[in-house]
Amino acid sequence: MARAKQTEQIRDDQKARSENFEIASGLLQIGIVVASASIITGVAILSYAAGGLGLLSLVFMGLALLAPRLLF
């Protein structure tokens, strides 16, 4: 019984990690698109937004590694 509980815990942690990494990946991709738009248009505020999205994606990656079940 204890082995089953431990396996469930591992499964839940892996699922939470996966969700956090998916969010981080999506934010990073959006940040890349916004950075590209900043280069094309020359609007500086877009580069700050892209940097913010990149930092937010790093936060989600850190949560996935260190505290996977904190949000989900």
PDB file of N, CA and C in Angstrom:
ATOM      1  N   MET A   1       0.820  -1.198   0.000  1.00  0.00           N
ATOM      2  CA  MET A   1       0.000   0.000   0.000  1.00  0.00           C
ATOM      3  C   MET A   1       0.866   1.265   0.000  1.00  0.00           C
ATOM      4  N   ALA A   2       1.936   1.231   0.778  1.00  0.00           N
ATOM      5  CA  ALA A   2       2.817   2.398   0.843  1.00  0.00           C
ATOM      6  C   ALA A   2       3.497   2.642  -0.501  1.00  0.00           C
ATOM      7  N   ARG A   3       3.815   1.555  -1.184  1.00  0.00           N
ATOM      8  CA  ARG A   3       4.449   1.694  -2.500  1.00  0.00           C
ATOM      9  C   ARG A   3       3.489   2.339  -3.499  1.00  0.00           C
ATOM     10  N   ALA A   4       2.227   1.984  -3.414  1.00  0.00           N
ATOM     11  CA  ALA A   4       1.221   2.580  -4.303  1.00  0.00           C
ATOM     12  C   ALA A   4       1.071   4.075  -4.020  1.00  0.00           C
ATOM     13  N   LYS A   5       1.054   4.461  -2.755  1.00  0.00           N
ATOM     14  CA  LYS A   5       0.955   5.885  -2.397  1.00  0.00           C
ATOM     15  C   LYS A   5       2.171   6.660  -2.910  1.00  0.00           C
ATOM     16  N   GLN A   6       3.355   6.045  -2.784  1.00  0.00           N
ATOM     17  CA  GLN A   6       4.565   6.698  -3.260  1.00  0.00           C
ATOM     18  C   GLN A   6       4.523   6.857  -4.778  1.00  0.00           C
ATOM     19  N   THR A   7       4.044   5.847  -5.467  1.00  0.00           N
ATOM     20  CA  THR A   7       3.934   5.916  -6.923  1.00  0.00           C
ATOM     21  C   THR A   7       2.925   6.975  -7.343  1.00  0.00           C
ATOM     22  N   GLU A   8       1.819   7.101  -6.619  1.00  0.00           N
ATOM     23  CA  GLU A   8       0.836   8.149  -6.903  1.00  0.00           C
ATOM     24  C   GLU A   8       1.447   9.531  -6.704  1.00  0.00           C
ATOM     25  N   GLN A   9       2.238   9.687  -5.657  1.00  0.00           N
ATOM     26  CA  GLN A   9       2.895  10.968  -5.383  1.00  0.00           C
ATOM     27  C   GLN A   9       3.838  11.341  -6.526  1.00  0.00           C
ATOM     28  N   ILE A  10       4.609  10.375  -6.984  1.00  0.00           N
ATOM     29  CA  ILE A  10       5.534  10.622  -8.094  1.00  0.00           C
ATOM     30  C   ILE A  10       4.765  10.996  -9.351  1.00  0.00           C
ATOM     31  N   ARG A  11       3.664  10.283  -9.609  1.00  0.00           N
ATOM     32  CA  ARG A  11       2.840  10.578 -10.787  1.00  0.00           C
ATOM     33  C   ARG A  11       2.280  11.992 -10.724  1.00  0.00           C
ATOM     34  N   ASP A  12       1.769  12.381  -9.556  1.00  0.00           N
ATOM     35  CA  ASP A  12       1.203  13.725  -9.399  1.00  0.00           C
ATOM     36  C   ASP A  12       2.266  14.807  -9.579  1.00  0.00           C
ATOM     37  N   ASP A  13       3.461  14.561  -9.049  1.00  0.00           N
ATOM     38  CA  ASP A  13       4.552  15.525  -9.222  1.00  0.00           C
ATOM     39  C   ASP A  13       4.939  15.663 -10.687  1.00  0.00           C
ATOM     40  N   GLN A  14       5.002  14.553 -11.393  1.00  0.00           N
ATOM     41  CA  GLN A  14       5.364  14.593 -12.812  1.00  0.00           C
ATOM     42  C   GLN A  14       4.310  15.322 -13.635  1.00  0.00           C
ATOM     43  N   LYS A  15       3.039  15.128 -13.283  1.00  0.00           N
ATOM     44  CA  LYS A  15       1.967  15.822 -14.003  1.00  0.00           C
ATOM     45  C   LYS A  15       2.048  17.330 -13.764  1.00  0.00           C
ATOM     46  N   ALA A  16       2.294  17.721 -12.520  1.00  0.00           N
ATOM     47  CA  ALA A  16       2.415  19.145 -12.200  1.00  0.00           C
ATOM     48  C   ALA A  16       3.631  19.754 -12.896  1.00  0.00           C
ATOM     49  N   ARG A  17       4.741  19.019 -12.928  1.00  0.00           N
ATOM     50  CA  ARG A  17       5.928  19.507 -13.639  1.00  0.00           C
ATOM     51  C   ARG A  17       5.624  19.709 -15.116  1.00  0.00           C
ATOM     52  N   SER A  18       4.932  18.744 -15.685  1.00  0.00           N
ATOM     53  CA  SER A  18       4.598  18.825 -17.107  1.00  0.00           C
ATOM     54  C   SER A  18       3.750  20.059 -17.398  1.00  0.00           C
ATOM     55  N   GLU A  19       2.767  20.333 -16.552  1.00  0.00           N
ATOM     56  CA  GLU A  19       1.907  21.504 -16.761  1.00  0.00           C
ATOM     57  C   GLU A  19       2.703  22.799 -16.641  1.00  0.00           C
ATOM     58  N   ASN A  20       3.597  22.868 -15.655  1.00  0.00           N
ATOM     59  CA  ASN A  20       4.419  24.072 -15.495  1.00  0.00           C
ATOM     60  C   ASN A  20       5.352  24.272 -16.682  1.00  0.00           C
ATOM     61  N   PHE A  21       5.942  23.185 -17.172  1.00  0.00           N
ATOM     62  CA  PHE A  21       6.828  23.301 -18.332  1.00  0.00           C
ATOM     63  C   PHE A  21       6.064  23.695 -19.585  1.00  0.00           C
ATOM     64  N   GLU A  22       4.833  23.224 -19.730  1.00  0.00           N
ATOM     65  CA  GLU A  22       4.023  23.620 -20.889  1.00  0.00           C
ATOM     66  C   GLU A  22       3.713  25.110 -20.853  1.00  0.00           C
ATOM     67  N   ILE A  23       3.370  25.625 -19.682  1.00  0.00           N
ATOM     68  CA  ILE A  23       3.103  27.061 -19.544  1.00  0.00           C
ATOM     69  C   ILE A  23       4.373  27.858 -19.838  1.00  0.00           C
ATOM     70  N   ALA A  24       5.500  27.411 -19.287  1.00  0.00           N
ATOM     71  CA  ALA A  24       6.768  28.104 -19.520  1.00  0.00           C
ATOM     72  C   ALA A  24       7.130  28.100 -20.998  1.00  0.00           C
ATOM     73  N   SER A  25       6.918  26.983 -21.651  1.00  0.00           N
ATOM     74  CA  SER A  25       7.221  26.887 -23.078  1.00  0.00           C
ATOM     75  C   SER A  25       6.345  27.836 -23.888  1.00  0.00           C
ATOM     76  N   GLY A  26       5.075  27.894 -23.567  1.00  0.00           N
ATOM     77  CA  GLY A  26       4.164  28.799 -24.267  1.00  0.00           C
ATOM     78  C   GLY A  26       4.538  30.252 -24.063  1.00  0.00           C
ATOM     79  N   LEU A  27       4.871  30.616 -22.826  1.00  0.00           N
ATOM     80  CA  LEU A  27       5.277  32.000 -22.555  1.00  0.00           C
ATOM     81  C   LEU A  27       6.557  32.362 -23.293  1.00  0.00           C
ATOM     82  N   LEU A  28       7.485  31.429 -23.354  1.00  0.00           N
ATOM     83  CA  LEU A  28       8.736  31.695 -24.055  1.00  0.00           C
ATOM     84  C   LEU A  28       8.507  31.873 -25.552  1.00  0.00           C
ATOM     85  N   GLN A  29       7.637  31.064 -26.123  1.00  0.00           N
ATOM     86  CA  GLN A  29       7.333  31.198 -27.548  1.00  0.00           C
ATOM     87  C   GLN A  29       6.647  32.529 -27.846  1.00  0.00           C
ATOM     88  N   ILE A  30       5.724  32.927 -26.981  1.00  0.00           N
ATOM     89  CA  ILE A  30       5.062  34.221 -27.166  1.00  0.00           C
ATOM     90  C   ILE A  30       6.080  35.352 -27.020  1.00  0.00           C
ATOM     91  N   GLY A  31       6.999  35.212 -26.061  1.00  0.00           N
ATOM     92  CA  GLY A  31       8.048  36.211 -25.892  1.00  0.00           C
ATOM     93  C   GLY A  31       8.926  36.348 -27.125  1.00  0.00           C
ATOM     94  N   ILE A  32       9.223  35.228 -27.767  1.00  0.00           N
ATOM     95  CA  ILE A  32      10.025  35.270 -28.995  1.00  0.00           C
ATOM     96  C   ILE A  32       9.277  35.999 -30.105  1.00  0.00           C
ATOM     97  N   VAL A  33       7.986  35.731 -30.224  1.00  0.00           N
ATOM     98  CA  VAL A  33       7.182  36.405 -31.249  1.00  0.00           C
ATOM     99  C   VAL A  33       7.118  37.908 -30.972  1.00  0.00           C
ATOM    100  N   VAL A  34       6.930  38.278 -29.713  1.00  0.00           N
ATOM    101  CA  VAL A  34       6.866  39.701 -29.365  1.00  0.00           C
ATOM    102  C   VAL A  34       8.217  40.371 -29.610  1.00  0.00           C
ATOM    103  N   ALA A  35       9.311  39.671 -29.311  1.00  0.00           N
ATOM    104  CA  ALA A  35      10.638  40.230 -29.581  1.00  0.00           C
ATOM    105  C   ALA A  35      10.849  40.428 -31.078  1.00  0.00           C
ATOM    106  N   SER A  36      10.385  39.490 -31.873  1.00  0.00           N
ATOM    107  CA  SER A  36      10.484  39.634 -33.331  1.00  0.00           C
ATOM    108  C   SER A  36       9.672  40.831 -33.811  1.00  0.00           C
ATOM    109  N   ALA A  37       8.480  40.996 -33.242  1.00  0.00           N
ATOM    110  CA  ALA A  37       7.650  42.145 -33.611  1.00  0.00           C
ATOM    111  C   ALA A  37       8.325  43.449 -33.205  1.00  0.00           C
ATOM    112  N   SER A  38       9.023  43.431 -32.077  1.00  0.00           N
ATOM    113  CA  SER A  38       9.744  44.622 -31.632  1.00  0.00           C
ATOM    114  C   SER A  38      10.851  44.989 -32.613  1.00  0.00           C
ATOM    115  N   ILE A  39      11.546  43.991 -33.108  1.00  0.00           N
ATOM    116  CA  ILE A  39      12.622  44.251 -34.072  1.00  0.00           C
ATOM    117  C   ILE A  39      12.053  44.795 -35.376  1.00  0.00           C
ATOM    118  N   ILE A  40      10.954  44.201 -35.828  1.00  0.00           N
ATOM    119  CA  ILE A  40      10.369  44.612 -37.108  1.00  0.00           C
ATOM    120  C   ILE A  40       9.792  46.020 -37.030  1.00  0.00           C
ATOM    121  N   THR A  41       9.065  46.303 -35.942  1.00  0.00           N
ATOM    122  CA  THR A  41       8.380  47.593 -35.843  1.00  0.00           C
ATOM    123  C   THR A  41       9.241  48.693 -35.241  1.00  0.00           C
ATOM    124  N   GLY A  42      10.247  48.321 -34.455  1.00  0.00           N
ATOM    125  CA  GLY A  42      11.082  49.317 -33.804  1.00  0.00           C
ATOM    126  C   GLY A  42      10.453  49.907 -32.557  1.00  0.00           C
ATOM    127  N   VAL A  43       9.387  49.293 -32.054  1.00  0.00           N
ATOM    128  CA  VAL A  43       8.715  49.773 -30.844  1.00  0.00           C
ATOM    129  C   VAL A  43       9.433  49.176 -29.633  1.00  0.00           C
ATOM    130  N   ALA A  44      10.032  50.039 -28.828  1.00  0.00           N
ATOM    131  CA  ALA A  44      10.874  49.582 -27.726  1.00  0.00           C
ATOM    132  C   ALA A  44      10.088  48.894 -26.615  1.00  0.00           C
ATOM    133  N   ILE A  45       8.859  49.306 -26.387  1.00  0.00           N
ATOM    134  CA  ILE A  45       8.076  48.723 -25.296  1.00  0.00           C
ATOM    135  C   ILE A  45       7.837  47.232 -25.520  1.00  0.00           C
ATOM    136  N   LEU A  46       7.798  46.825 -26.776  1.00  0.00           N
ATOM    137  CA  LEU A  46       7.612  45.403 -27.068  1.00  0.00           C
ATOM    138  C   LEU A  46       8.811  44.574 -26.619  1.00  0.00           C
ATOM    139  N   SER A  47       9.993  45.162 -26.681  1.00  0.00           N
ATOM    140  CA  SER A  47      11.175  44.422 -26.221  1.00  0.00           C
ATOM    141  C   SER A  47      11.129  44.225 -24.707  1.00  0.00           C
ATOM    142  N   TYR A  48      10.607  45.209 -23.990  1.00  0.00           N
ATOM    143  CA  TYR A  48      10.442  45.042 -22.546  1.00  0.00           C
ATOM    144  C   TYR A  48       9.388  43.982 -22.231  1.00  0.00           C
ATOM    145  N   ALA A  49       8.322  43.983 -22.997  1.00  0.00           N
ATOM    146  CA  ALA A  49       7.285  42.964 -22.809  1.00  0.00           C
ATOM    147  C   ALA A  49       7.844  41.574 -23.098  1.00  0.00           C
ATOM    148  N   ALA A  50       8.664  41.456 -24.135  1.00  0.00           N
ATOM    149  CA  ALA A  50       9.273  40.169 -24.467  1.00  0.00           C
ATOM    150  C   ALA A  50      10.207  39.709 -23.351  1.00  0.00           C
ATOM    151  N   GLY A  51      10.972  40.635 -22.805  1.00  0.00           N
ATOM    152  CA  GLY A  51      11.845  40.300 -21.682  1.00  0.00           C
ATOM    153  C   GLY A  51      11.061  39.867 -20.460  1.00  0.00           C
ATOM    154  N   GLY A  52       9.943  40.552 -20.201  1.00  0.00           N
ATOM    155  CA  GLY A  52       9.089  40.169 -19.078  1.00  0.00           C
ATOM    156  C   GLY A  52       8.503  38.782 -19.253  1.00  0.00           C
ATOM    157  N   LEU A  53       8.081  38.468 -20.468  1.00  0.00           N
ATOM    158  CA  LEU A  53       7.560  37.125 -20.733  1.00  0.00           C
ATOM    159  C   LEU A  53       8.650  36.071 -20.573  1.00  0.00           C
ATOM    160  N   GLY A  54       9.859  36.410 -20.981  1.00  0.00           N
ATOM    161  CA  GLY A  54      10.974  35.484 -20.799  1.00  0.00           C
ATOM    162  C   GLY A  54      11.267  35.235 -19.331  1.00  0.00           C
ATOM    163  N   LEU A  55      11.241  36.295 -18.531  1.00  0.00           N
ATOM    164  CA  LEU A  55      11.466  36.132 -17.093  1.00  0.00           C
ATOM    165  C   LEU A  55      10.348  35.330 -16.436  1.00  0.00           C
ATOM    166  N   LEU A  56       9.120  35.573 -16.867  1.00  0.00           N
ATOM    167  CA  LEU A  56       7.994  34.817 -16.326  1.00  0.00           C
ATOM    168  C   LEU A  56       8.112  33.336 -16.682  1.00  0.00           C
ATOM    169  N   SER A  57       8.589  33.052 -17.875  1.00  0.00           N
ATOM    170  CA  SER A  57       8.775  31.650 -18.251  1.00  0.00           C
ATOM    171  C   SER A  57       9.868  31.008 -17.399  1.00  0.00           C
ATOM    172  N   LEU A  58      10.902  31.761 -17.053  1.00  0.00           N
ATOM    173  CA  LEU A  58      11.937  31.230 -16.164  1.00  0.00           C
ATOM    174  C   LEU A  58      11.379  30.919 -14.781  1.00  0.00           C
ATOM    175  N   VAL A  59      10.455  31.750 -14.313  1.00  0.00           N
ATOM    176  CA  VAL A  59       9.815  31.495 -13.022  1.00  0.00           C
ATOM    177  C   VAL A  59       9.045  30.181 -13.062  1.00  0.00           C
ATOM    178  N   PHE A  60       8.288  29.962 -14.131  1.00  0.00           N
ATOM    179  CA  PHE A  60       7.532  28.720 -14.241  1.00  0.00           C
ATOM    180  C   PHE A  60       8.454  27.511 -14.371  1.00  0.00           C
ATOM    181  N   MET A  61       9.575  27.666 -15.060  1.00  0.00           N
ATOM    182  CA  MET A  61      10.534  26.559 -15.145  1.00  0.00           C
ATOM    183  C   MET A  61      11.135  26.256 -13.777  1.00  0.00           C
ATOM    184  N   GLY A  62      11.438  27.311 -13.031  1.00  0.00           N
ATOM    185  CA  GLY A  62      11.951  27.112 -11.676  1.00  0.00           C
ATOM    186  C   GLY A  62      10.939  26.434 -10.777  1.00  0.00           C
ATOM    187  N   LEU A  63       9.683  26.839 -10.899  1.00  0.00           N
ATOM    188  CA  LEU A  63       8.637  26.184 -10.115  1.00  0.00           C
ATOM    189  C   LEU A  63       8.501  24.718 -10.497  1.00  0.00           C
ATOM    190  N   ALA A  64       8.637  24.421 -11.771  1.00  0.00           N
ATOM    191  CA  ALA A  64       8.530  23.033 -12.218  1.00  0.00           C
ATOM    192  C   ALA A  64       9.640  22.185 -11.611  1.00  0.00           C
ATOM    193  N   LEU A  65      10.814  22.760 -11.469  1.00  0.00           N
ATOM    194  CA  LEU A  65      11.935  21.997 -10.927  1.00  0.00           C
ATOM    195  C   LEU A  65      11.917  21.926  -9.406  1.00  0.00           C
ATOM    196  N   LEU A  66      11.597  23.026  -8.746  1.00  0.00           N
ATOM    197  CA  LEU A  66      11.748  23.099  -7.297  1.00  0.00           C
ATOM    198  C   LEU A  66      10.463  22.848  -6.513  1.00  0.00           C
ATOM    199  N   ALA A  67       9.332  23.326  -7.017  1.00  0.00           N
ATOM    200  CA  ALA A  67       8.057  23.186  -6.301  1.00  0.00           C
ATOM    201  C   ALA A  67       6.945  22.892  -7.299  1.00  0.00           C
ATOM    202  N   PRO A  68       6.920  21.683  -7.854  1.00  0.00           N
ATOM    203  CA  PRO A  68       5.986  21.410  -8.953  1.00  0.00           C
ATOM    204  C   PRO A  68       4.513  21.500  -8.578  1.00  0.00           C
ATOM    205  N   ARG A  69       4.167  21.249  -7.333  1.00  0.00           N
ATOM    206  CA  ARG A  69       2.752  21.228  -6.952  1.00  0.00           C
ATOM    207  C   ARG A  69       2.310  22.513  -6.266  1.00  0.00           C
ATOM    208  N   LEU A  70       3.121  23.553  -6.349  1.00  0.00           N
ATOM    209  CA  LEU A  70       2.772  24.813  -5.696  1.00  0.00           C
ATOM    210  C   LEU A  70       1.543  25.458  -6.325  1.00  0.00           C
ATOM    211  N   LEU A  71       1.424  25.396  -7.648  1.00  0.00           N
ATOM    212  CA  LEU A  71       0.310  26.045  -8.340  1.00  0.00           C
ATOM    213  C   LEU A  71      -0.800  25.084  -8.728  1.00  0.00           C
ATOM    214  N   PHE A  72      -0.459  23.856  -9.061  1.00  0.00           N
ATOM    215  CA  PHE A  72      -1.466  22.920  -9.566  1.00  0.00           C
ATOM    216  C   PHE A  72      -1.593  21.723  -8.664  1.00  0.00           C
TER     217      PHE A  72
END
